[in-house]
Amino acid sequence: MTHFDTLLRQAQAHPEPRQLLLVFAALAPGRAPRPVMCLDAQVNQIASFEALRLLADQHESGWQAVFVGSIPGGPDGQPLGPVEVEAALDNLAAQLARGERAGMIGFDRLGGPLA
């Protein structure tokens, strides 16, 4: 994955609706990422990484990376309910705080992939 926008285009082309789970985090050498904010969005709600970065900075400017996971929509193609989404976001944030990144792709503040 060369850039967040590549991921976004792939998710938009997916035949099933996808909901992105976004965990914004602060980074410190030798430590697990520290989640500072979580957002969820349907893939069609995000125009580009630049638009996402501007939105995120309105709420929390201390993030240095965003970790992205996704979940499918409900059986009728509609977004999952807020309870299910919040539980999934909480799980991803806790996983990230433990230093586990399985199922997530990390991007820096410019949208480039993290090593």
C-alpha atoms as a PDB file:
ATOM      1  CA  MET A   1       0.000   0.000   0.000  1.00  0.00           C
ATOM      2  CA  THR A   2       1.688   3.176  -1.170  1.00  0.00           C
ATOM      3  CA  HIS A   3      -0.763   5.776   0.183  1.00  0.00           C
ATOM      4  CA  PHE A   4      -4.021   6.087   2.121  1.00  0.00           C
ATOM      5  CA  ASP A   5      -5.791   7.228  -1.054  1.00  0.00           C
ATOM      6  CA  THR A   6      -4.907   3.871  -2.677  1.00  0.00           C
ATOM      7  CA  LEU A   7      -6.584   2.066   0.213  1.00  0.00           C
ATOM      8  CA  LEU A   8      -9.567   4.381  -0.086  1.00  0.00           C
ATOM      9  CA  ARG A   9      -9.981   3.668  -3.814  1.00  0.00           C
ATOM     10  CA  GLN A  10      -9.733  -0.083  -3.193  1.00  0.00           C
ATOM     11  CA  ALA A  11     -12.342   0.097  -0.430  1.00  0.00           C
ATOM     12  CA  GLN A  12     -14.652   2.178  -2.635  1.00  0.00           C
ATOM     13  CA  ALA A  13     -14.372  -0.441  -5.397  1.00  0.00           C
ATOM     14  CA  HIS A  14     -15.185  -3.315  -3.028  1.00  0.00           C
ATOM     15  CA  PRO A  15     -18.541  -4.875  -3.935  1.00  0.00           C
ATOM     16  CA  GLU A  16     -19.730  -4.946  -0.303  1.00  0.00           C
ATOM     17  CA  PRO A  17     -20.157  -1.664   1.600  1.00  0.00           C
ATOM     18  CA  ARG A  18     -17.227  -1.089   3.970  1.00  0.00           C
ATOM     19  CA  GLN A  19     -17.061   1.005   7.074  1.00  0.00           C
ATOM     20  CA  LEU A  20     -13.603   2.330   7.932  1.00  0.00           C
ATOM     21  CA  LEU A  21     -12.469   2.329  11.537  1.00  0.00           C
ATOM     22  CA  LEU A  22      -9.829   5.011  12.111  1.00  0.00           C
ATOM     23  CA  VAL A  23      -7.669   5.177  15.225  1.00  0.00           C
ATOM     24  CA  PHE A  24      -5.514   8.309  15.361  1.00  0.00           C
ATOM     25  CA  ALA A  25      -2.464   7.902  17.569  1.00  0.00           C
ATOM     26  CA  ALA A  26       0.559   9.648  19.022  1.00  0.00           C
ATOM     27  CA  LEU A  27       3.878   7.895  18.439  1.00  0.00           C
ATOM     28  CA  ALA A  28       6.950   7.672  20.667  1.00  0.00           C
ATOM     29  CA  PRO A  29      10.111   5.672  19.908  1.00  0.00           C
ATOM     30  CA  GLY A  30      10.136   2.275  21.597  1.00  0.00           C
ATOM     31  CA  ARG A  31       6.522   2.529  22.780  1.00  0.00           C
ATOM     32  CA  ALA A  32       3.186   1.279  21.542  1.00  0.00           C
ATOM     33  CA  PRO A  33       1.114   3.890  19.699  1.00  0.00           C
ATOM     34  CA  ARG A  34      -1.121   5.877  22.064  1.00  0.00           C
ATOM     35  CA  PRO A  35      -4.653   6.263  20.695  1.00  0.00           C
ATOM     36  CA  VAL A  36      -5.850   9.881  20.942  1.00  0.00           C
ATOM     37  CA  MET A  37      -9.025   9.783  18.838  1.00  0.00           C
ATOM     38  CA  CYS A  38     -11.243   7.322  16.978  1.00  0.00           C
ATOM     39  CA  LEU A  39     -13.568   7.905  14.024  1.00  0.00           C
ATOM     40  CA  ASP A  40     -15.667   5.716  11.807  1.00  0.00           C
ATOM     41  CA  ALA A  41     -16.800   6.524   8.290  1.00  0.00           C
ATOM     42  CA  GLN A  42     -18.344   4.903   5.272  1.00  0.00           C
ATOM     43  CA  VAL A  43     -15.788   4.826   2.462  1.00  0.00           C
ATOM     44  CA  ASN A  44     -17.909   7.204   0.385  1.00  0.00           C
ATOM     45  CA  GLN A  45     -17.769   9.794   3.185  1.00  0.00           C
ATOM     46  CA  ILE A  46     -14.021  10.349   2.770  1.00  0.00           C
ATOM     47  CA  ALA A  47     -12.932  12.173  -0.375  1.00  0.00           C
ATOM     48  CA  SER A  48      -9.180  11.861   0.207  1.00  0.00           C
ATOM     49  CA  PHE A  49      -6.506  11.633   2.864  1.00  0.00           C
ATOM     50  CA  GLU A  50      -6.160  15.410   2.799  1.00  0.00           C
ATOM     51  CA  ALA A  51      -9.863  15.803   3.623  1.00  0.00           C
ATOM     52  CA  LEU A  52      -9.544  13.245   6.432  1.00  0.00           C
ATOM     53  CA  ARG A  53      -6.448  14.984   7.829  1.00  0.00           C
ATOM     54  CA  LEU A  54      -8.215  18.354   7.883  1.00  0.00           C
ATOM     55  CA  LEU A  55     -11.242  16.825   9.622  1.00  0.00           C
ATOM     56  CA  ALA A  56      -9.081  15.044  12.182  1.00  0.00           C
ATOM     57  CA  ASP A  57      -7.061  18.181  12.928  1.00  0.00           C
ATOM     58  CA  GLN A  58     -10.287  20.037  13.768  1.00  0.00           C
ATOM     59  CA  HIS A  59     -10.829  17.587  16.632  1.00  0.00           C
ATOM     60  CA  GLU A  60      -7.311  16.573  17.704  1.00  0.00           C
ATOM     61  CA  SER A  61      -4.061  17.995  16.390  1.00  0.00           C
ATOM     62  CA  GLY A  62      -1.725  15.783  18.463  1.00  0.00           C
ATOM     63  CA  TRP A  63      -1.931  12.705  16.272  1.00  0.00           C
ATOM     64  CA  GLN A  64       1.043  11.507  14.255  1.00  0.00           C
ATOM     65  CA  ALA A  65      -0.407   8.398  12.621  1.00  0.00           C
ATOM     66  CA  VAL A  66      -3.748   6.898  11.728  1.00  0.00           C
ATOM     67  CA  PHE A  67      -4.392   3.163  11.875  1.00  0.00           C
ATOM     68  CA  VAL A  68      -7.162   1.882   9.641  1.00  0.00           C
ATOM     69  CA  GLY A  69      -9.317  -1.194   9.958  1.00  0.00           C
ATOM     70  CA  SER A  70     -12.632  -1.956   8.329  1.00  0.00           C
ATOM     71  CA  ILE A  71     -15.833  -3.834   8.943  1.00  0.00           C
ATOM     72  CA  PRO A  72     -18.533  -4.834   6.501  1.00  0.00           C
ATOM     73  CA  GLY A  73     -21.904  -3.170   6.573  1.00  0.00           C
ATOM     74  CA  GLY A  74     -24.941  -4.917   7.975  1.00  0.00           C
ATOM     75  CA  PRO A  75     -26.733  -7.736   6.137  1.00  0.00           C
ATOM     76  CA  ASP A  76     -28.986  -5.239   4.344  1.00  0.00           C
ATOM     77  CA  GLY A  77     -26.030  -3.178   3.111  1.00  0.00           C
ATOM     78  CA  GLN A  78     -26.666  -0.484   5.706  1.00  0.00           C
ATOM     79  CA  PRO A  79     -23.985   0.738   8.136  1.00  0.00           C
ATOM     80  CA  LEU A  80     -23.727  -1.101  11.426  1.00  0.00           C
ATOM     81  CA  GLY A  81     -25.348   0.486  14.439  1.00  0.00           C
ATOM     82  CA  PRO A  82     -23.482   2.804  16.802  1.00  0.00           C
ATOM     83  CA  VAL A  83     -23.119   0.137  19.514  1.00  0.00           C
ATOM     84  CA  GLU A  84     -21.394  -2.315  17.157  1.00  0.00           C
ATOM     85  CA  VAL A  85     -19.180   0.385  15.660  1.00  0.00           C
ATOM     86  CA  GLU A  86     -18.149   1.753  19.060  1.00  0.00           C
ATOM     87  CA  ALA A  87     -17.281  -1.754  20.265  1.00  0.00           C
ATOM     88  CA  ALA A  88     -15.152  -2.360  17.154  1.00  0.00           C
ATOM     89  CA  LEU A  89     -13.370   0.997  17.576  1.00  0.00           C
ATOM     90  CA  ASP A  90     -12.740   0.325  21.286  1.00  0.00           C
ATOM     91  CA  ASN A  91     -11.301  -3.069  20.396  1.00  0.00           C
ATOM     92  CA  LEU A  92      -8.961  -1.620  17.758  1.00  0.00           C
ATOM     93  CA  ALA A  93      -7.796   1.183  20.082  1.00  0.00           C
ATOM     94  CA  ALA A  94      -7.086  -1.297  22.889  1.00  0.00           C
ATOM     95  CA  GLN A  95      -5.274  -3.607  20.471  1.00  0.00           C
ATOM     96  CA  LEU A  96      -3.143  -0.713  19.226  1.00  0.00           C
ATOM     97  CA  ALA A  97      -2.342   0.457  22.778  1.00  0.00           C
ATOM     98  CA  ARG A  98      -0.975  -3.051  23.432  1.00  0.00           C
ATOM     99  CA  GLY A  99       1.275  -2.674  20.390  1.00  0.00           C
ATOM    100  CA  GLU A 100      -0.734  -5.093  18.257  1.00  0.00           C
ATOM    101  CA  ARG A 101      -1.461  -3.971  14.688  1.00  0.00           C
ATOM    102  CA  ALA A 102      -3.048  -7.101  13.188  1.00  0.00           C
ATOM    103  CA  GLY A 103      -5.899  -6.203  10.869  1.00  0.00           C
ATOM    104  CA  MET A 104      -4.827  -2.552  10.646  1.00  0.00           C
ATOM    105  CA  ILE A 105      -2.744  -0.519   8.228  1.00  0.00           C
ATOM    106  CA  GLY A 106      -0.882   2.498   9.578  1.00  0.00           C
ATOM    107  CA  PHE A 107      -0.324   5.782   7.766  1.00  0.00           C
ATOM    108  CA  ASP A 108       1.657   8.890   8.705  1.00  0.00           C
ATOM    109  CA  ARG A 109       0.316  12.474   8.639  1.00  0.00           C
ATOM    110  CA  LEU A 110       1.064  12.707   4.913  1.00  0.00           C
ATOM    111  CA  GLY A 111      -0.888   9.543   4.087  1.00  0.00           C
ATOM    112  CA  GLY A 112       2.206   7.424   3.489  1.00  0.00           C
ATOM    113  CA  PRO A 113       2.445   3.919   4.940  1.00  0.00           C
ATOM    114  CA  LEU A 114       4.169   3.297   8.256  1.00  0.00           C
ATOM    115  CA  ALA A 115       7.002   0.796   8.329  1.00  0.00           C
END
